[in-house]
Amino acid sequence: MNWDDFSHYLSEQLQKPIHIESAAPVSGGDIHQAFHLQTQDGSYFLKTNGSSSLGLFQTEAHSLQAIAQSNSIRCPQVYGYGIYNQQAWLLMEHLHFVHGGDDCQRGKALAQMHKQINHDSMPFGWFEDNFIGHTLQKNQWHFQWLTFYGQERLLPQLELAQINGAKRSLYDLGTELIDALPFWFQNYSPEASLLHGDLWGGNSAFVDVDSEETEAVIFDPASYYGDRETDIAMTELFGGFSQAFYQGYNQVLPLDQGYQSRKPLYNLYHILNHFNLFGGHYQQQALNTISSLLEKAK
């Protein structure tokens, strides 16, 4: 990257003088390159990838902007995105993360975000398809949550798994599970909450507010309007959230008593996606999850 030339380009795009004094690579992600940019007026966080990633950056920016507009939980401010020299880029606020923080506050803040309900006549979905990792995430609007979750979440992952060489039984049992979805919603009608969509421990952190207080931050979202339990379920899939987080969340927005029975149903989406991204043992984990769920639905 020619940082001097990119400085001139950014100055034109953002309509303000930008002079990049240093650009330090940032590790941690497995999809994009990332840099901590130091400029004459402060720090920025830059993601880059091939030009085919422009759609991913654009939809990520839209999700971050929606979360910011909810005035509930902090996320990085987006400054711009585009194509420069055949590379897609996304420029954001640089945040200095700290170790540890107030997990109860993080739970309360997420609950406030989930209180943002879409009351449109077709409430479940999003105004555009976006991405979960590198996988296209379909978000066509649906009136019924069960239809959305079956047709926009589970079915596309099952179809992609067949393309990626999964056993036929995964598709057959998975579509059987889609038909059985009403079993888990006999006494539960979810609202269409604003969601992060990919809320594992690596997509949340803390920043200092002052010497005695921290603030929770979420990033790398794949947002849509759906059942808030899907976000909570994913926080439990890979860990990284303490009991204080769930206590704080429930103080603001208590979970339905049937959440534990739906948790594996919602995490199945991410297990399938991990198979489609990484292969390996995730296929068997998905098969075991589906078989267990179908056994309970008999």
Protein backbone atom coordinates (compact mmCIF):
# COMPACT_ATOMS: atom_id res chain seq x y z
CA MET A 1 0.00 0.00 0.00
CA ASN A 2 1.31 3.43 -0.95
CA TRP A 3 0.28 5.27 2.21
CA ASP A 4 1.05 8.75 0.91
CA ASP A 5 -1.12 8.18 -2.14
CA PHE A 6 -3.82 6.57 0.01
CA SER A 7 -3.72 9.65 2.25
CA HIS A 8 -4.54 11.87 -0.74
CA TYR A 9 -7.28 9.48 -1.83
CA LEU A 10 -8.84 9.41 1.65
CA SER A 11 -8.68 13.20 1.88
CA GLU A 12 -10.78 13.40 -1.28
CA GLN A 13 -13.20 10.69 -0.16
CA LEU A 14 -13.73 12.07 3.33
CA GLN A 15 -13.47 15.72 2.25
CA LYS A 16 -11.00 16.51 5.03
CA PRO A 17 -7.20 16.52 5.17
CA ILE A 18 -5.82 13.09 6.07
CA HIS A 19 -2.08 12.47 6.35
CA ILE A 20 -1.13 8.93 7.38
CA GLU A 21 2.01 9.17 9.50
CA SER A 22 2.26 5.43 10.28
CA ALA A 23 0.38 2.23 9.48
CA ALA A 24 0.89 -0.71 11.82
CA PRO A 25 -0.55 -4.13 10.89
CA VAL A 26 -3.10 -5.46 13.40
CA SER A 27 -3.37 -9.21 13.96
CA GLY A 28 -6.36 -11.18 15.15
CA GLY A 29 -8.66 -11.53 12.15
CA ASP A 30 -8.63 -14.47 9.73
CA ILE A 31 -10.40 -12.83 6.77
CA HIS A 32 -9.02 -9.33 6.16
CA GLN A 33 -5.85 -7.34 6.57
CA ALA A 34 -6.14 -4.66 9.25
CA PHE A 35 -4.07 -1.62 10.14
CA HIS A 36 -3.86 0.93 12.93
CA LEU A 37 -3.40 4.23 11.13
CA GLN A 38 -1.86 7.17 12.95
CA THR A 39 -2.64 10.53 11.34
CA GLN A 40 -2.15 14.17 12.16
CA ASP A 41 -5.61 14.30 13.76
CA GLY A 42 -5.72 10.95 15.55
CA SER A 43 -6.04 7.20 14.98
CA TYR A 44 -8.11 5.16 12.56
CA PHE A 45 -8.73 1.45 12.06
CA LEU A 46 -8.53 0.24 8.45
CA LYS A 47 -9.63 -3.08 6.97
CA THR A 48 -8.56 -4.08 3.46
CA ASN A 49 -9.12 -7.03 1.16
CA GLY A 50 -9.58 -7.82 -2.52
CA SER A 51 -12.11 -5.77 -4.46
CA SER A 52 -14.64 -8.63 -4.23
CA SER A 53 -14.94 -7.86 -0.49
CA LEU A 54 -16.52 -4.44 -1.09
CA GLY A 55 -20.01 -5.86 -0.49
CA LEU A 56 -18.87 -7.36 2.80
CA PHE A 57 -17.42 -4.04 3.96
CA GLN A 58 -20.45 -2.10 2.78
CA THR A 59 -22.92 -4.32 4.63
CA GLU A 60 -20.73 -4.32 7.75
CA ALA A 61 -20.77 -0.53 7.66
CA HIS A 62 -24.56 -0.51 7.37
CA SER A 63 -24.88 -2.84 10.36
CA LEU A 64 -22.56 -0.68 12.46
CA GLN A 65 -24.49 2.44 11.50
CA ALA A 66 -27.78 0.81 12.55
CA ILE A 67 -26.32 -0.23 15.90
CA ALA A 68 -24.92 3.27 16.46
CA GLN A 69 -28.31 4.83 15.68
CA SER A 70 -29.94 2.62 18.33
CA ASN A 71 -28.06 4.62 21.04
CA SER A 72 -27.77 1.45 23.11
CA ILE A 73 -24.32 -0.16 22.99
CA ARG A 74 -21.10 1.30 21.64
CA CYS A 75 -19.63 0.22 18.32
CA PRO A 76 -16.88 1.71 16.12
CA GLN A 77 -17.86 4.77 14.13
CA VAL A 78 -17.70 4.24 10.36
CA TYR A 79 -15.94 6.90 8.27
CA GLY A 80 -16.09 5.36 4.81
CA TYR A 81 -15.55 2.41 2.49
CA GLY A 82 -14.74 1.90 -1.17
CA ILE A 83 -12.21 0.61 -3.70
CA TYR A 84 -8.63 1.87 -3.95
CA ASN A 85 -6.16 0.30 -6.39
CA GLN A 86 -8.22 -2.88 -6.73
CA GLN A 87 -8.54 -3.23 -2.97
CA ALA A 88 -11.70 -2.88 -0.92
CA TRP A 89 -11.32 -0.81 2.25
CA LEU A 90 -13.35 0.08 5.33
CA LEU A 91 -12.22 2.92 7.59
CA MET A 92 -13.44 3.09 11.17
CA GLU A 93 -12.78 4.63 14.53
CA HIS A 94 -9.77 3.09 16.27
CA LEU A 95 -10.64 1.84 19.76
CA HIS A 96 -8.06 0.87 22.37
CA PHE A 97 -9.36 -2.29 24.04
CA VAL A 98 -8.60 -3.08 27.67
CA HIS A 99 -8.48 -6.40 29.50
CA GLY A 100 -11.64 -7.07 31.45
CA GLY A 101 -14.58 -4.80 32.05
CA ASP A 102 -18.05 -4.48 33.49
CA ASP A 103 -19.81 -7.52 32.04
CA CYS A 104 -23.06 -6.66 33.79
CA GLN A 105 -23.08 -3.32 31.96
CA ARG A 106 -22.38 -5.14 28.68
CA GLY A 107 -25.42 -7.36 29.23
CA LYS A 108 -27.63 -4.37 30.02
CA ALA A 109 -26.40 -2.48 26.95
CA LEU A 110 -27.09 -5.44 24.65
CA ALA A 111 -30.58 -5.75 26.11
CA GLN A 112 -31.19 -2.09 25.29
CA MET A 113 -30.18 -2.78 21.69
CA HIS A 114 -32.55 -5.75 21.56
CA LYS A 115 -35.34 -3.44 22.68
CA GLN A 116 -35.12 -1.80 19.23
CA ILE A 117 -38.07 -3.57 17.60
CA ASN A 118 -39.00 -3.52 13.92
CA HIS A 119 -42.75 -2.92 13.77
CA ASP A 120 -43.09 -3.05 9.96
CA SER A 121 -45.67 -5.37 8.43
CA MET A 122 -42.83 -7.71 7.38
CA PRO A 123 -40.77 -7.53 10.56
CA PHE A 124 -38.14 -10.29 10.24
CA GLY A 125 -35.19 -9.70 7.91
CA TRP A 126 -33.01 -6.82 6.76
CA PHE A 127 -32.97 -4.33 3.89
CA GLU A 128 -30.07 -6.18 2.22
CA ASP A 129 -28.33 -9.53 2.29
CA ASN A 130 -25.07 -9.43 4.24
CA PHE A 131 -22.34 -11.84 5.34
CA ILE A 132 -21.62 -14.19 8.23
CA GLY A 133 -17.87 -14.59 7.88
CA HIS A 134 -17.40 -15.03 4.14
CA THR A 135 -20.79 -16.74 3.78
CA LEU A 136 -23.65 -14.84 2.18
CA GLN A 137 -26.41 -14.33 4.76
CA LYS A 138 -29.83 -14.05 3.14
CA ASN A 139 -32.25 -11.60 4.74
CA GLN A 140 -35.44 -11.57 2.69
CA TRP A 141 -38.30 -10.09 4.72
CA HIS A 142 -40.81 -12.49 6.29
CA PHE A 143 -43.90 -11.97 8.39
CA GLN A 144 -43.34 -15.16 10.40
CA TRP A 145 -40.13 -15.79 12.35
CA LEU A 146 -40.31 -19.55 11.80
CA THR A 147 -40.43 -19.03 8.04
CA PHE A 148 -37.50 -16.62 8.20
CA TYR A 149 -35.36 -18.90 10.35
CA GLY A 150 -36.10 -21.97 8.26
CA GLN A 151 -35.82 -20.42 4.81
CA GLU A 152 -33.24 -17.66 5.31
CA ARG A 153 -30.97 -19.27 7.90
CA LEU A 154 -31.04 -23.08 8.08
CA LEU A 155 -31.94 -24.00 4.48
CA PRO A 156 -29.22 -21.92 2.73
CA GLN A 157 -26.57 -23.40 5.06
CA LEU A 158 -27.83 -26.93 4.43
CA GLU A 159 -27.78 -26.36 0.67
CA LEU A 160 -24.27 -24.90 0.82
CA ALA A 161 -23.12 -27.86 2.92
CA GLN A 162 -24.19 -30.20 0.09
CA ILE A 163 -22.09 -28.19 -2.36
CA ASN A 164 -19.20 -28.45 0.10
CA GLY A 165 -19.38 -32.23 0.26
CA ALA A 166 -21.49 -32.93 3.35
CA LYS A 167 -23.30 -36.22 3.81
CA ARG A 168 -26.75 -36.35 2.24
CA SER A 169 -28.15 -37.21 5.67
CA LEU A 170 -27.23 -33.74 6.90
CA TYR A 171 -29.53 -32.15 4.34
CA ASP A 172 -32.32 -34.70 4.82
CA LEU A 173 -32.32 -34.47 8.61
CA GLY A 174 -31.90 -30.69 8.44
CA THR A 175 -34.96 -30.19 6.25
CA GLU A 176 -36.89 -32.53 8.55
CA LEU A 177 -35.91 -30.23 11.40
CA ILE A 178 -37.15 -27.18 9.48
CA ASP A 179 -40.55 -28.86 9.18
CA ALA A 180 -40.49 -29.54 12.94
CA LEU A 181 -39.67 -25.93 13.97
CA PRO A 182 -43.17 -25.18 15.35
CA PHE A 183 -42.45 -27.59 18.23
CA TRP A 184 -40.14 -25.03 19.88
CA PHE A 185 -42.54 -22.12 19.48
CA GLN A 186 -45.81 -23.43 20.87
CA ASN A 187 -45.79 -20.88 23.70
CA TYR A 188 -43.31 -18.34 22.37
CA SER A 189 -43.72 -15.58 19.76
CA PRO A 190 -40.47 -13.65 19.35
CA GLU A 191 -40.34 -9.99 18.44
CA ALA A 192 -38.12 -8.65 15.66
CA SER A 193 -35.21 -7.19 17.64
CA LEU A 194 -32.19 -5.42 16.19
CA LEU A 195 -29.44 -8.06 16.35
CA HIS A 196 -25.66 -8.11 16.15
CA GLY A 197 -25.94 -11.41 14.26
CA ASP A 198 -22.43 -12.80 14.93
CA LEU A 199 -22.01 -12.22 18.65
CA TRP A 200 -19.18 -14.43 19.88
CA GLY A 201 -16.52 -13.37 22.37
CA GLY A 202 -14.10 -12.22 19.67
CA ASN A 203 -16.58 -9.61 18.43
CA SER A 204 -16.95 -7.76 21.72
CA ALA A 205 -14.53 -6.01 24.04
CA PHE A 206 -14.17 -3.15 26.51
CA VAL A 207 -12.69 0.34 26.37
CA ASP A 208 -11.84 2.69 29.22
CA VAL A 209 -14.26 5.53 29.87
CA ASP A 210 -12.14 6.90 32.72
CA SER A 211 -9.79 5.53 35.36
CA GLU A 212 -12.60 3.71 37.14
CA GLU A 213 -15.14 2.82 34.44
CA THR A 214 -15.19 0.70 31.28
CA GLU A 215 -17.65 0.55 28.42
CA ALA A 216 -18.63 -2.46 26.32
CA VAL A 217 -18.08 -2.40 22.56
CA ILE A 218 -19.38 -4.71 19.83
CA PHE A 219 -18.04 -4.91 16.27
CA ASP A 220 -17.94 -7.11 13.12
CA PRO A 221 -21.74 -7.40 13.05
CA ALA A 222 -24.01 -9.22 10.59
CA SER A 223 -27.18 -7.45 11.68
CA TYR A 224 -30.83 -8.15 10.93
CA TYR A 225 -34.15 -8.09 12.75
CA GLY A 226 -34.86 -11.40 14.43
CA ASP A 227 -35.31 -13.26 17.70
CA ARG A 228 -32.97 -11.80 20.32
CA GLU A 229 -32.35 -15.30 21.66
CA THR A 230 -30.14 -15.99 18.62
CA ASP A 231 -27.60 -13.40 19.83
CA ILE A 232 -27.68 -14.74 23.39
CA ALA A 233 -27.32 -18.34 22.20
CA MET A 234 -24.20 -17.50 20.21
CA THR A 235 -22.59 -15.86 23.24
CA GLU A 236 -22.77 -19.30 24.87
CA LEU A 237 -21.51 -21.25 21.85
CA PHE A 238 -17.83 -20.33 22.19
CA GLY A 239 -17.79 -18.64 25.61
CA GLY A 240 -16.23 -15.35 26.58
CA PHE A 241 -19.14 -13.90 28.56
CA SER A 242 -19.44 -14.19 32.33
CA GLN A 243 -22.51 -14.86 34.45
CA ALA A 244 -22.60 -11.14 35.22
CA PHE A 245 -23.34 -10.52 31.54
CA TYR A 246 -26.44 -12.71 31.60
CA GLN A 247 -27.55 -11.29 34.94
CA GLY A 248 -27.29 -7.76 33.55
CA TYR A 249 -29.16 -8.74 30.42
CA ASN A 250 -32.00 -10.37 32.35
CA GLN A 251 -32.35 -7.35 34.62
CA VAL A 252 -33.31 -5.29 31.59
CA LEU A 253 -34.95 -7.86 29.30
CA PRO A 254 -35.60 -11.26 30.93
CA LEU A 255 -35.25 -14.29 28.68
CA ASP A 256 -38.23 -16.55 28.07
CA GLN A 257 -38.21 -19.77 30.12
CA GLY A 258 -38.02 -21.81 26.91
CA TYR A 259 -34.74 -20.24 25.81
CA GLN A 260 -32.59 -23.20 26.90
CA SER A 261 -34.57 -25.57 24.65
CA ARG A 262 -34.12 -23.25 21.63
CA LYS A 263 -30.44 -22.49 22.23
CA PRO A 264 -29.09 -25.53 20.29
CA LEU A 265 -31.58 -24.81 17.50
CA TYR A 266 -30.17 -21.31 17.08
CA ASN A 267 -26.53 -22.32 17.42
CA LEU A 268 -27.03 -24.94 14.71
CA TYR A 269 -26.92 -22.09 12.17
CA HIS A 270 -23.42 -21.12 13.26
CA ILE A 271 -22.23 -24.73 13.49
CA LEU A 272 -23.38 -25.28 9.90
CA ASN A 273 -21.68 -22.08 8.84
CA HIS A 274 -18.45 -23.22 10.50
CA PHE A 275 -18.63 -26.44 8.51
CA ASN A 276 -19.12 -24.44 5.32
CA LEU A 277 -16.19 -22.17 6.19
CA PHE A 278 -13.76 -24.62 7.78
CA GLY A 279 -15.04 -28.18 7.24
CA GLY A 280 -13.80 -30.83 9.65
CA HIS A 281 -15.64 -31.97 12.75
CA TYR A 282 -18.37 -29.34 12.44
CA GLN A 283 -20.35 -31.67 10.15
CA GLN A 284 -20.63 -34.31 12.87
CA GLN A 285 -21.43 -31.64 15.47
CA ALA A 286 -24.26 -30.41 13.23
CA LEU A 287 -25.56 -33.95 12.71
CA ASN A 288 -25.50 -34.63 16.44
CA THR A 289 -27.32 -31.37 17.17
CA ILE A 290 -30.01 -32.03 14.57
CA SER A 291 -30.54 -35.63 15.75
CA SER A 292 -30.87 -34.50 19.35
CA LEU A 293 -33.37 -31.78 18.43
CA LEU A 294 -35.47 -34.15 16.31
CA GLU A 295 -35.54 -36.68 19.14
CA LYS A 296 -37.03 -34.02 21.44
CA ALA A 297 -39.62 -33.03 18.85
CA LYS A 298 -41.05 -36.55 18.56
